[in-house]
């Protein structure tokens, strides 16, 4: 998670614990972080979560595509697609001249 997002979540949690509304919290986040502020929807979602009880400012683990790939796998794949291989593949896609009978 980006450090700035975590910082803003801590601020949202603080405001929620003080009893401020989500709208008041959002206004303060925008005042402090400007263009880097979390979206209104994100502030409201985190505010609601902190009001309901969860204490962690971290994202929950989720399944899905990993953010990084193994560099050895990427290097292996790119070596299979050398420039000469791509040229041959492109030429073969264009097709050879056809003979009419």
PDB file of N, CA and C in Angstrom:
ATOM      1  N   UNK A   1       0.852  -1.179   0.000  1.00  0.00           N
ATOM      2  CA  UNK A   1       0.000   0.000   0.000  1.00  0.00           C
ATOM      3  C   UNK A   1       0.891   1.232   0.000  1.00  0.00           C
ATOM      4  N   UNK A   2       0.457   2.208  -0.717  1.00  0.00           N
ATOM      5  CA  UNK A   2       1.190   3.458  -0.787  1.00  0.00           C
ATOM      6  C   UNK A   2       1.178   4.145   0.576  1.00  0.00           C
ATOM      7  N   UNK A   3       2.326   4.710   0.933  1.00  0.00           N
ATOM      8  CA  UNK A   3       2.465   5.327   2.256  1.00  0.00           C
ATOM      9  C   UNK A   3       1.484   6.479   2.457  1.00  0.00           C
ATOM     10  N   UNK A   4       1.256   7.271   1.411  1.00  0.00           N
ATOM     11  CA  UNK A   4       0.332   8.402   1.540  1.00  0.00           C
ATOM     12  C   UNK A   4      -1.090   7.927   1.829  1.00  0.00           C
ATOM     13  N   UNK A   5      -1.504   6.832   1.185  1.00  0.00           N
ATOM     14  CA  UNK A   5      -2.844   6.287   1.445  1.00  0.00           C
ATOM     15  C   UNK A   5      -2.972   5.846   2.894  1.00  0.00           C
ATOM     16  N   UNK A   6      -1.941   5.185   3.401  1.00  0.00           N
ATOM     17  CA  UNK A   6      -1.977   4.724   4.784  1.00  0.00           C
ATOM     18  C   UNK A   6      -2.026   5.921   5.740  1.00  0.00           C
ATOM     19  N   UNK A   7      -1.290   6.934   5.431  1.00  0.00           N
ATOM     20  CA  UNK A   7      -1.289   8.150   6.250  1.00  0.00           C
ATOM     21  C   UNK A   7      -2.690   8.769   6.305  1.00  0.00           C
ATOM     22  N   UNK A   8      -3.353   8.818   5.165  1.00  0.00           N
ATOM     23  CA  UNK A   8      -4.700   9.375   5.117  1.00  0.00           C
ATOM     24  C   UNK A   8      -5.690   8.491   5.870  1.00  0.00           C
ATOM     25  N   UNK A   9      -5.509   7.191   5.803  1.00  0.00           N
ATOM     26  CA  UNK A   9      -6.394   6.286   6.541  1.00  0.00           C
ATOM     27  C   UNK A   9      -6.250   6.487   8.046  1.00  0.00           C
ATOM     28  N   UNK A  10      -5.039   6.733   8.496  1.00  0.00           N
ATOM     29  CA  UNK A  10      -4.831   7.016   9.924  1.00  0.00           C
ATOM     30  C   UNK A  10      -5.580   8.286  10.310  1.00  0.00           C
ATOM     31  N   UNK A  11      -5.523   9.293   9.445  1.00  0.00           N
ATOM     32  CA  UNK A  11      -6.238  10.547   9.715  1.00  0.00           C
ATOM     33  C   UNK A  11      -7.754  10.312   9.718  1.00  0.00           C
ATOM     34  N   UNK A  12      -8.246   9.505   8.806  1.00  0.00           N
ATOM     35  CA  UNK A  12      -9.681   9.182   8.748  1.00  0.00           C
ATOM     36  C   UNK A  12     -10.092   8.452  10.021  1.00  0.00           C
ATOM     37  N   UNK A  13      -9.277   7.509  10.448  1.00  0.00           N
ATOM     38  CA  UNK A  13      -9.565   6.753  11.668  1.00  0.00           C
ATOM     39  C   UNK A  13      -9.624   7.699  12.869  1.00  0.00           C
ATOM     40  N   UNK A  14      -8.698   8.628  12.937  1.00  0.00           N
ATOM     41  CA  UNK A  14      -8.658   9.603  14.029  1.00  0.00           C
ATOM     42  C   UNK A  14      -9.940  10.442  14.049  1.00  0.00           C
ATOM     43  N   UNK A  15     -10.325  10.945  12.893  1.00  0.00           N
ATOM     44  CA  UNK A  15     -11.545  11.762  12.804  1.00  0.00           C
ATOM     45  C   UNK A  15     -12.782  10.947  13.176  1.00  0.00           C
ATOM     46  N   UNK A  16     -12.843   9.702  12.729  1.00  0.00           N
ATOM     47  CA  UNK A  16     -13.987   8.836  13.047  1.00  0.00           C
ATOM     48  C   UNK A  16     -14.070   8.601  14.552  1.00  0.00           C
ATOM     49  N   UNK A  17     -12.924   8.386  15.180  1.00  0.00           N
ATOM     50  CA  UNK A  17     -12.898   8.148  16.632  1.00  0.00           C
ATOM     51  C   UNK A  17     -13.301   9.402  17.407  1.00  0.00           C
ATOM     52  N   UNK A  18     -13.061  10.575  16.820  1.00  0.00           N
ATOM     53  CA  UNK A  18     -13.476  11.832  17.457  1.00  0.00           C
ATOM     54  C   UNK A  18     -14.969  12.095  17.287  1.00  0.00           C
ATOM     55  N   UNK A  19     -15.618  11.298  16.437  1.00  0.00           N
ATOM     56  CA  UNK A  19     -17.046  11.467  16.216  1.00  0.00           C
ATOM     57  C   UNK A  19     -17.397  12.422  15.094  1.00  0.00           C
ATOM     58  N   UNK A  20     -16.428  12.773  14.283  1.00  0.00           N
ATOM     59  CA  UNK A  20     -16.693  13.659  13.143  1.00  0.00           C
ATOM     60  C   UNK A  20     -17.434  12.874  12.058  1.00  0.00           C
ATOM     61  N   UNK A  21     -18.187  13.577  11.240  1.00  0.00           N
ATOM     62  CA  UNK A  21     -18.913  12.934  10.145  1.00  0.00           C
ATOM     63  C   UNK A  21     -17.946  12.633   9.004  1.00  0.00           C
ATOM     64  N   UNK A  22     -18.391  11.788   8.100  1.00  0.00           N
ATOM     65  CA  UNK A  22     -17.583  11.461   6.929  1.00  0.00           C
ATOM     66  C   UNK A  22     -17.359  12.706   6.063  1.00  0.00           C
ATOM     67  N   UNK A  23     -18.366  13.568   5.977  1.00  0.00           N
ATOM     68  CA  UNK A  23     -18.236  14.805   5.189  1.00  0.00           C
ATOM     69  C   UNK A  23     -17.193  15.740   5.793  1.00  0.00           C
ATOM     70  N   UNK A  24     -17.208  15.880   7.110  1.00  0.00           N
ATOM     71  CA  UNK A  24     -16.208  16.717   7.781  1.00  0.00           C
ATOM     72  C   UNK A  24     -14.804  16.141   7.582  1.00  0.00           C
ATOM     73  N   UNK A  25     -14.729  14.830   7.687  1.00  0.00           N
ATOM     74  CA  UNK A  25     -13.440  14.156   7.510  1.00  0.00           C
ATOM     75  C   UNK A  25     -12.921  14.358   6.096  1.00  0.00           C
ATOM     76  N   UNK A  26     -13.788  14.180   5.108  1.00  0.00           N
ATOM     77  CA  UNK A  26     -13.381  14.352   3.716  1.00  0.00           C
ATOM     78  C   UNK A  26     -12.884  15.778   3.465  1.00  0.00           C
ATOM     79  N   UNK A  27     -13.586  16.763   3.998  1.00  0.00           N
ATOM     80  CA  UNK A  27     -13.176  18.161   3.818  1.00  0.00           C
ATOM     81  C   UNK A  27     -11.770  18.386   4.384  1.00  0.00           C
ATOM     82  N   UNK A  28     -11.476  17.786   5.529  1.00  0.00           N
ATOM     83  CA  UNK A  28     -10.147  17.945   6.137  1.00  0.00           C
ATOM     84  C   UNK A  28      -9.071  17.238   5.317  1.00  0.00           C
ATOM     85  N   UNK A  29      -9.396  16.057   4.809  1.00  0.00           N
ATOM     86  CA  UNK A  29      -8.434  15.307   3.991  1.00  0.00           C
ATOM     87  C   UNK A  29      -8.081  16.110   2.735  1.00  0.00           C
ATOM     88  N   UNK A  30      -9.096  16.669   2.086  1.00  0.00           N
ATOM     89  CA  UNK A  30      -8.858  17.466   0.871  1.00  0.00           C
ATOM     90  C   UNK A  30      -8.055  18.723   1.201  1.00  0.00           C
ATOM     91  N   UNK A  31      -8.358  19.355   2.338  1.00  0.00           N
ATOM     92  CA  UNK A  31      -7.638  20.563   2.746  1.00  0.00           C
ATOM     93  C   UNK A  31      -6.154  20.275   2.963  1.00  0.00           C
ATOM     94  N   UNK A  32      -5.863  19.133   3.550  1.00  0.00           N
ATOM     95  CA  UNK A  32      -4.472  18.793   3.856  1.00  0.00           C
ATOM     96  C   UNK A  32      -3.733  18.209   2.648  1.00  0.00           C
ATOM     97  N   UNK A  33      -4.369  17.286   1.921  1.00  0.00           N
ATOM     98  CA  UNK A  33      -3.673  16.548   0.858  1.00  0.00           C
ATOM     99  C   UNK A  33      -3.937  17.063  -0.552  1.00  0.00           C
ATOM    100  N   UNK A  34      -4.903  17.931  -0.713  1.00  0.00           N
ATOM    101  CA  UNK A  34      -5.169  18.523  -2.025  1.00  0.00           C
ATOM    102  C   UNK A  34      -5.424  17.491  -3.107  1.00  0.00           C
ATOM    103  N   UNK A  35      -4.707  17.606  -4.219  1.00  0.00           N
ATOM    104  CA  UNK A  35      -4.892  16.711  -5.363  1.00  0.00           C
ATOM    105  C   UNK A  35      -4.519  15.261  -5.054  1.00  0.00           C
ATOM    106  N   UNK A  36      -3.728  15.059  -4.006  1.00  0.00           N
ATOM    107  CA  UNK A  36      -3.310  13.702  -3.636  1.00  0.00           C
ATOM    108  C   UNK A  36      -4.287  13.028  -2.675  1.00  0.00           C
ATOM    109  N   UNK A  37      -5.378  13.716  -2.356  1.00  0.00           N
ATOM    110  CA  UNK A  37      -6.348  13.171  -1.401  1.00  0.00           C
ATOM    111  C   UNK A  37      -7.045  11.948  -1.964  1.00  0.00           C
ATOM    112  N   UNK A  38      -7.430  11.051  -1.064  1.00  0.00           N
ATOM    113  CA  UNK A  38      -8.255   9.920  -1.467  1.00  0.00           C
ATOM    114  C   UNK A  38      -9.572  10.445  -2.022  1.00  0.00           C
ATOM    115  N   UNK A  39     -10.235   9.653  -2.832  1.00  0.00           N
ATOM    116  CA  UNK A  39     -11.516  10.079  -3.391  1.00  0.00           C
ATOM    117  C   UNK A  39     -12.564  10.152  -2.275  1.00  0.00           C
ATOM    118  N   UNK A  40     -13.644  10.858  -2.556  1.00  0.00           N
ATOM    119  CA  UNK A  40     -14.729  10.993  -1.572  1.00  0.00           C
ATOM    120  C   UNK A  40     -15.269   9.615  -1.190  1.00  0.00           C
ATOM    121  N   UNK A  41     -15.441   8.758  -2.195  1.00  0.00           N
ATOM    122  CA  UNK A  41     -15.959   7.412  -1.947  1.00  0.00           C
ATOM    123  C   UNK A  41     -15.025   6.616  -1.035  1.00  0.00           C
ATOM    124  N   UNK A  42     -13.717   6.737  -1.251  1.00  0.00           N
ATOM    125  CA  UNK A  42     -12.753   6.019  -0.410  1.00  0.00           C
ATOM    126  C   UNK A  42     -12.792   6.539   1.024  1.00  0.00           C
ATOM    127  N   UNK A  43     -12.855   7.848   1.185  1.00  0.00           N
ATOM    128  CA  UNK A  43     -12.910   8.431   2.533  1.00  0.00           C
ATOM    129  C   UNK A  43     -14.167   7.960   3.249  1.00  0.00           C
ATOM    130  N   UNK A  44     -15.298   7.990   2.571  1.00  0.00           N
ATOM    131  CA  UNK A  44     -16.550   7.554   3.186  1.00  0.00           C
ATOM    132  C   UNK A  44     -16.513   6.062   3.537  1.00  0.00           C
ATOM    133  N   UNK A  45     -15.933   5.257   2.655  1.00  0.00           N
ATOM    134  CA  UNK A  45     -15.856   3.819   2.923  1.00  0.00           C
ATOM    135  C   UNK A  45     -14.985   3.545   4.143  1.00  0.00           C
ATOM    136  N   UNK A  46     -13.804   4.175   4.211  1.00  0.00           N
ATOM    137  CA  UNK A  46     -12.910   3.958   5.348  1.00  0.00           C
ATOM    138  C   UNK A  46     -13.514   4.528   6.636  1.00  0.00           C
ATOM    139  N   UNK A  47     -14.172   5.658   6.543  1.00  0.00           N
ATOM    140  CA  UNK A  47     -14.808   6.258   7.724  1.00  0.00           C
ATOM    141  C   UNK A  47     -15.847   5.299   8.292  1.00  0.00           C
ATOM    142  N   UNK A  48     -16.659   4.735   7.413  1.00  0.00           N
ATOM    143  CA  UNK A  48     -17.693   3.786   7.845  1.00  0.00           C
ATOM    144  C   UNK A  48     -17.061   2.559   8.509  1.00  0.00           C
ATOM    145  N   UNK A  49     -16.004   2.047   7.894  1.00  0.00           N
ATOM    146  CA  UNK A  49     -15.336   0.872   8.456  1.00  0.00           C
ATOM    147  C   UNK A  49     -14.770   1.161   9.845  1.00  0.00           C
ATOM    148  N   UNK A  50     -14.168   2.324  10.021  1.00  0.00           N
ATOM    149  CA  UNK A  50     -13.590   2.661  11.323  1.00  0.00           C
ATOM    150  C   UNK A  50     -14.679   2.903  12.363  1.00  0.00           C
ATOM    151  N   UNK A  51     -15.815   3.418  11.948  1.00  0.00           N
ATOM    152  CA  UNK A  51     -16.942   3.608  12.868  1.00  0.00           C
ATOM    153  C   UNK A  51     -17.503   2.261  13.336  1.00  0.00           C
ATOM    154  N   UNK A  52     -17.473   1.277  12.427  1.00  0.00           N
ATOM    155  CA  UNK A  52     -18.043  -0.036  12.734  1.00  0.00           C
ATOM    156  C   UNK A  52     -17.087  -0.942  13.506  1.00  0.00           C
ATOM    157  N   UNK A  53     -15.827  -0.556  13.597  1.00  0.00           N
ATOM    158  CA  UNK A  53     -14.959  -1.333  14.449  1.00  0.00           C
ATOM    159  C   UNK A  53     -13.591  -1.754  13.978  1.00  0.00           C
ATOM    160  N   UNK A  54     -13.364  -2.133  12.716  1.00  0.00           N
ATOM    161  CA  UNK A  54     -12.019  -2.593  12.350  1.00  0.00           C
ATOM    162  C   UNK A  54     -10.969  -1.527  12.667  1.00  0.00           C
ATOM    163  N   UNK A  55      -9.865  -1.971  13.211  1.00  0.00           N
ATOM    164  CA  UNK A  55      -8.824  -1.036  13.647  1.00  0.00           C
ATOM    165  C   UNK A  55      -7.682  -0.882  12.654  1.00  0.00           C
ATOM    166  N   UNK A  56      -7.520  -1.845  11.755  1.00  0.00           N
ATOM    167  CA  UNK A  56      -6.375  -1.840  10.856  1.00  0.00           C
ATOM    168  C   UNK A  56      -6.555  -0.841   9.723  1.00  0.00           C
ATOM    169  N   UNK A  57      -5.485  -0.134   9.389  1.00  0.00           N
ATOM    170  CA  UNK A  57      -5.510   0.791   8.254  1.00  0.00           C
ATOM    171  C   UNK A  57      -4.965   0.115   6.998  1.00  0.00           C
ATOM    172  N   UNK A  58      -4.623  -1.162   7.119  1.00  0.00           N
ATOM    173  CA  UNK A  58      -4.097  -1.928   5.998  1.00  0.00           C
ATOM    174  C   UNK A  58      -5.239  -2.470   5.142  1.00  0.00           C
ATOM    175  N   UNK A  59      -4.955  -2.678   3.853  1.00  0.00           N
ATOM    176  CA  UNK A  59      -5.905  -3.350   2.970  1.00  0.00           C
ATOM    177  C   UNK A  59      -6.008  -4.803   3.381  1.00  0.00           C
ATOM    178  N   UNK A  60      -7.174  -5.393   3.182  1.00  0.00           N
ATOM    179  CA  UNK A  60      -7.331  -6.822   3.420  1.00  0.00           C
ATOM    180  C   UNK A  60      -6.681  -7.573   2.279  1.00  0.00           C
ATOM    181  N   UNK A  61      -6.143  -8.748   2.595  1.00  0.00           N
ATOM    182  CA  UNK A  61      -5.539  -9.581   1.556  1.00  0.00           C
ATOM    183  C   UNK A  61      -6.625  -9.986   0.568  1.00  0.00           C
ATOM    184  N   UNK A  62      -6.264 -10.032  -0.692  1.00  0.00           N
ATOM    185  CA  UNK A  62      -7.238 -10.425  -1.702  1.00  0.00           C
ATOM    186  C   UNK A  62      -6.536 -11.234  -2.778  1.00  0.00           C
ATOM    187  N   UNK A  63      -7.310 -12.071  -3.408  1.00  0.00           N
ATOM    188  CA  UNK A  63      -6.741 -12.873  -4.480  1.00  0.00           C
ATOM    189  C   UNK A  63      -6.763 -12.054  -5.758  1.00  0.00           C
ATOM    190  N   UNK A  64      -6.027 -12.505  -6.696  1.00  0.00           N
ATOM    191  CA  UNK A  64      -5.996 -11.809  -7.972  1.00  0.00           C
ATOM    192  C   UNK A  64      -4.604 -11.815  -8.554  1.00  0.00           C
ATOM    193  N   UNK A  65      -4.441 -11.065  -9.573  1.00  0.00           N
ATOM    194  CA  UNK A  65      -3.167 -11.004 -10.258  1.00  0.00           C
ATOM    195  C   UNK A  65      -2.119 -10.368  -9.358  1.00  0.00           C
ATOM    196  N   UNK A  66      -0.931 -10.970  -9.241  1.00  0.00           N
ATOM    197  CA  UNK A  66       0.123 -10.369  -8.423  1.00  0.00           C
ATOM    198  C   UNK A  66       0.617  -9.075  -9.053  1.00  0.00           C
ATOM    199  N   UNK A  67       1.088  -8.168  -8.216  1.00  0.00           N
ATOM    200  CA  UNK A  67       1.556  -6.884  -8.723  1.00  0.00           C
ATOM    201  C   UNK A  67       2.891  -7.006  -9.435  1.00  0.00           C
ATOM    202  N   UNK A  68       3.686  -7.992  -9.074  1.00  0.00           N
ATOM    203  CA  UNK A  68       5.003  -8.166  -9.694  1.00  0.00           C
ATOM    204  C   UNK A  68       5.109  -9.571 -10.260  1.00  0.00           C
ATOM    205  N   UNK A  69       5.916  -9.687 -11.304  1.00  0.00           N
ATOM    206  CA  UNK A  69       6.174 -11.007 -11.842  1.00  0.00           C
ATOM    207  C   UNK A  69       7.638 -11.342 -11.622  1.00  0.00           C
ATOM    208  N   UNK A  70       7.939 -12.594 -11.622  1.00  0.00           N
ATOM    209  CA  UNK A  70       9.311 -13.057 -11.439  1.00  0.00           C
ATOM    210  C   UNK A  70      10.137 -12.609 -12.646  1.00  0.00           C
ATOM    211  N   UNK A  71      11.252 -11.949 -12.391  1.00  0.00           N
ATOM    212  CA  UNK A  71      12.045 -11.414 -13.494  1.00  0.00           C
ATOM    213  C   UNK A  71      12.627 -12.526 -14.356  1.00  0.00           C
ATOM    214  N   UNK A  72      12.931 -13.692 -13.766  1.00  0.00           N
ATOM    215  CA  UNK A  72      13.487 -14.772 -14.582  1.00  0.00           C
ATOM    216  C   UNK A  72      12.460 -15.269 -15.589  1.00  0.00           C
ATOM    217  N   UNK A  73      11.193 -15.303 -15.199  1.00  0.00           N
ATOM    218  CA  UNK A  73      10.145 -15.717 -16.122  1.00  0.00           C
ATOM    219  C   UNK A  73       9.975 -14.723 -17.248  1.00  0.00           C
ATOM    220  N   UNK A  74      10.061 -13.440 -16.934  1.00  0.00           N
ATOM    221  CA  UNK A  74       9.912 -12.404 -17.956  1.00  0.00           C
ATOM    222  C   UNK A  74      11.083 -12.439 -18.927  1.00  0.00           C
ATOM    223  N   UNK A  75      12.292 -12.623 -18.394  1.00  0.00           N
ATOM    224  CA  UNK A  75      13.471 -12.676 -19.262  1.00  0.00           C
ATOM    225  C   UNK A  75      13.416 -13.887 -20.176  1.00  0.00           C
ATOM    226  N   UNK A  76      12.951 -14.990 -19.645  1.00  0.00           N
ATOM    227  CA  UNK A  76      12.856 -16.208 -20.429  1.00  0.00           C
ATOM    228  C   UNK A  76      11.867 -16.015 -21.571  1.00  0.00           C
ATOM    229  N   UNK A  77      10.734 -15.416 -21.272  1.00  0.00           N
ATOM    230  CA  UNK A  77       9.714 -15.207 -22.292  1.00  0.00           C
ATOM    231  C   UNK A  77      10.218 -14.247 -23.364  1.00  0.00           C
ATOM    232  N   UNK A  78      10.898 -13.171 -22.974  1.00  0.00           N
ATOM    233  CA  UNK A  78      11.363 -12.201 -23.962  1.00  0.00           C
ATOM    234  C   UNK A  78      12.481 -12.778 -24.821  1.00  0.00           C
ATOM    235  N   UNK A  79      13.281 -13.698 -24.251  1.00  0.00           N
ATOM    236  CA  UNK A  79      14.339 -14.288 -25.061  1.00  0.00           C
ATOM    237  C   UNK A  79      13.756 -15.203 -26.137  1.00  0.00           C
ATOM    238  N   UNK A  80      12.584 -15.776 -25.874  1.00  0.00           N
ATOM    239  CA  UNK A  80      11.929 -16.605 -26.872  1.00  0.00           C
ATOM    240  C   UNK A  80      11.383 -15.771 -28.022  1.00  0.00           C
ATOM    241  N   UNK A  81      11.124 -14.516 -27.768  1.00  0.00           N
ATOM    242  CA  UNK A  81      10.589 -13.626 -28.789  1.00  0.00           C
ATOM    243  C   UNK A  81      11.655 -12.629 -29.229  1.00  0.00           C
ATOM    244  N   UNK A  82      12.751 -13.142 -29.754  1.00  0.00           N
ATOM    245  CA  UNK A  82      13.812 -12.263 -30.221  1.00  0.00           C
ATOM    246  C   UNK A  82      13.328 -11.510 -31.458  1.00  0.00           C
ATOM    247  N   UNK A  83      13.990 -10.419 -31.816  1.00  0.00           N
ATOM    248  CA  UNK A  83      13.558  -9.650 -32.992  1.00  0.00           C
ATOM    249  C   UNK A  83      13.472 -10.494 -34.264  1.00  0.00           C
ATOM    250  N   UNK A  84      14.400 -11.434 -34.447  1.00  0.00           N
ATOM    251  CA  UNK A  84      14.357 -12.245 -35.663  1.00  0.00           C
ATOM    252  C   UNK A  84      13.143 -13.171 -35.665  1.00  0.00           C
ATOM    253  N   UNK A  85      12.769 -13.680 -34.496  1.00  0.00           N
ATOM    254  CA  UNK A  85      11.592 -14.544 -34.393  1.00  0.00           C
ATOM    255  C   UNK A  85      10.338 -13.755 -34.730  1.00  0.00           C
ATOM    256  N   UNK A  86      10.253 -12.537 -34.209  1.00  0.00           N
ATOM    257  CA  UNK A  86       9.076 -11.712 -34.489  1.00  0.00           C
ATOM    258  C   UNK A  86       8.978 -11.379 -35.973  1.00  0.00           C
ATOM    259  N   UNK A  87      10.128 -11.150 -36.619  1.00  0.00           N
ATOM    260  CA  UNK A  87      10.127 -10.822 -38.044  1.00  0.00           C
ATOM    261  C   UNK A  87       9.620 -12.008 -38.856  1.00  0.00           C
ATOM    262  N   UNK A  88      10.074 -13.194 -38.488  1.00  0.00           N
ATOM    263  CA  UNK A  88       9.627 -14.402 -39.190  1.00  0.00           C
ATOM    264  C   UNK A  88       8.132 -14.597 -38.986  1.00  0.00           C
ATOM    265  N   UNK A  89       7.680 -14.402 -37.758  1.00  0.00           N
ATOM    266  CA  UNK A  89       6.258 -14.574 -37.471  1.00  0.00           C
ATOM    267  C   UNK A  89       5.422 -13.577 -38.258  1.00  0.00           C
ATOM    268  N   UNK A  90       5.882 -12.343 -38.355  1.00  0.00           N
ATOM    269  CA  UNK A  90       5.145 -11.323 -39.078  1.00  0.00           C
ATOM    270  C   UNK A  90       5.089 -11.652 -40.565  1.00  0.00           C
ATOM    271  N   UNK A  91       6.205 -12.108 -41.123  1.00  0.00           N
ATOM    272  CA  UNK A  91       6.265 -12.459 -42.541  1.00  0.00           C
ATOM    273  C   UNK A  91       5.341 -13.631 -42.848  1.00  0.00           C
ATOM    274  N   UNK A  92       5.330 -14.634 -41.952  1.00  0.00           N
ATOM    275  CA  UNK A  92       4.486 -15.805 -42.212  1.00  0.00           C
ATOM    276  C   UNK A  92       3.006 -15.470 -42.086  1.00  0.00           C
ATOM    277  N   UNK A  93       2.662 -14.443 -41.314  1.00  0.00           N
ATOM    278  CA  UNK A  93       1.265 -14.039 -41.188  1.00  0.00           C
ATOM    279  C   UNK A  93       0.762 -13.403 -42.475  1.00  0.00           C
ATOM    280  N   UNK A  94       1.656 -12.760 -43.195  1.00  0.00           N
ATOM    281  CA  UNK A  94       1.261 -12.117 -44.443  1.00  0.00           C
ATOM    282  C   UNK A  94       0.932 -13.153 -45.517  1.00  0.00           C
ATOM    283  N   UNK A  95       1.522 -14.310 -45.379  1.00  0.00           N
ATOM    284  CA  UNK A  95       1.202 -15.420 -46.302  1.00  0.00           C
ATOM    285  C   UNK A  95       2.050 -15.403 -47.543  1.00  0.00           C
ATOM    286  N   UNK A  96       2.228 -16.571 -48.098  1.00  0.00           N
ATOM    287  CA  UNK A  96       3.010 -16.731 -49.340  1.00  0.00           C
ATOM    288  C   UNK A  96       2.062 -16.527 -50.515  1.00  0.00           C
ATOM    289  N   UNK A  97       2.604 -16.143 -51.659  1.00  0.00           N
ATOM    290  CA  UNK A  97       1.743 -15.965 -52.825  1.00  0.00           C
ATOM    291  C   UNK A  97       1.047 -17.271 -53.178  1.00  0.00           C
ATOM    292  N   UNK A  98      -0.181 -17.184 -53.569  1.00  0.00           N
ATOM    293  CA  UNK A  98      -0.959 -18.370 -53.924  1.00  0.00           C
ATOM    294  C   UNK A  98      -0.870 -18.610 -55.440  1.00  0.00           C
ATOM    295  N   UNK A  99      -0.794 -19.878 -55.789  1.00  0.00           N
ATOM    296  CA  UNK A  99      -0.782 -20.258 -57.210  1.00  0.00           C
ATOM    297  C   UNK A  99      -2.188 -20.665 -57.595  1.00  0.00           C
ATOM    298  N   UNK A 100      -2.627 -20.148 -58.737  1.00  0.00           N
ATOM    299  CA  UNK A 100      -3.949 -20.523 -59.214  1.00  0.00           C
ATOM    300  C   UNK A 100      -3.836 -21.728 -60.118  1.00  0.00           C
ATOM    301  N   UNK A 101      -4.766 -22.639 -60.006  1.00  0.00           N
ATOM    302  CA  UNK A 101      -4.714 -23.823 -60.844  1.00  0.00           C
ATOM    303  C   UNK A 101      -5.623 -23.678 -62.044  1.00  0.00           C
TER     304      UNK A 101
END
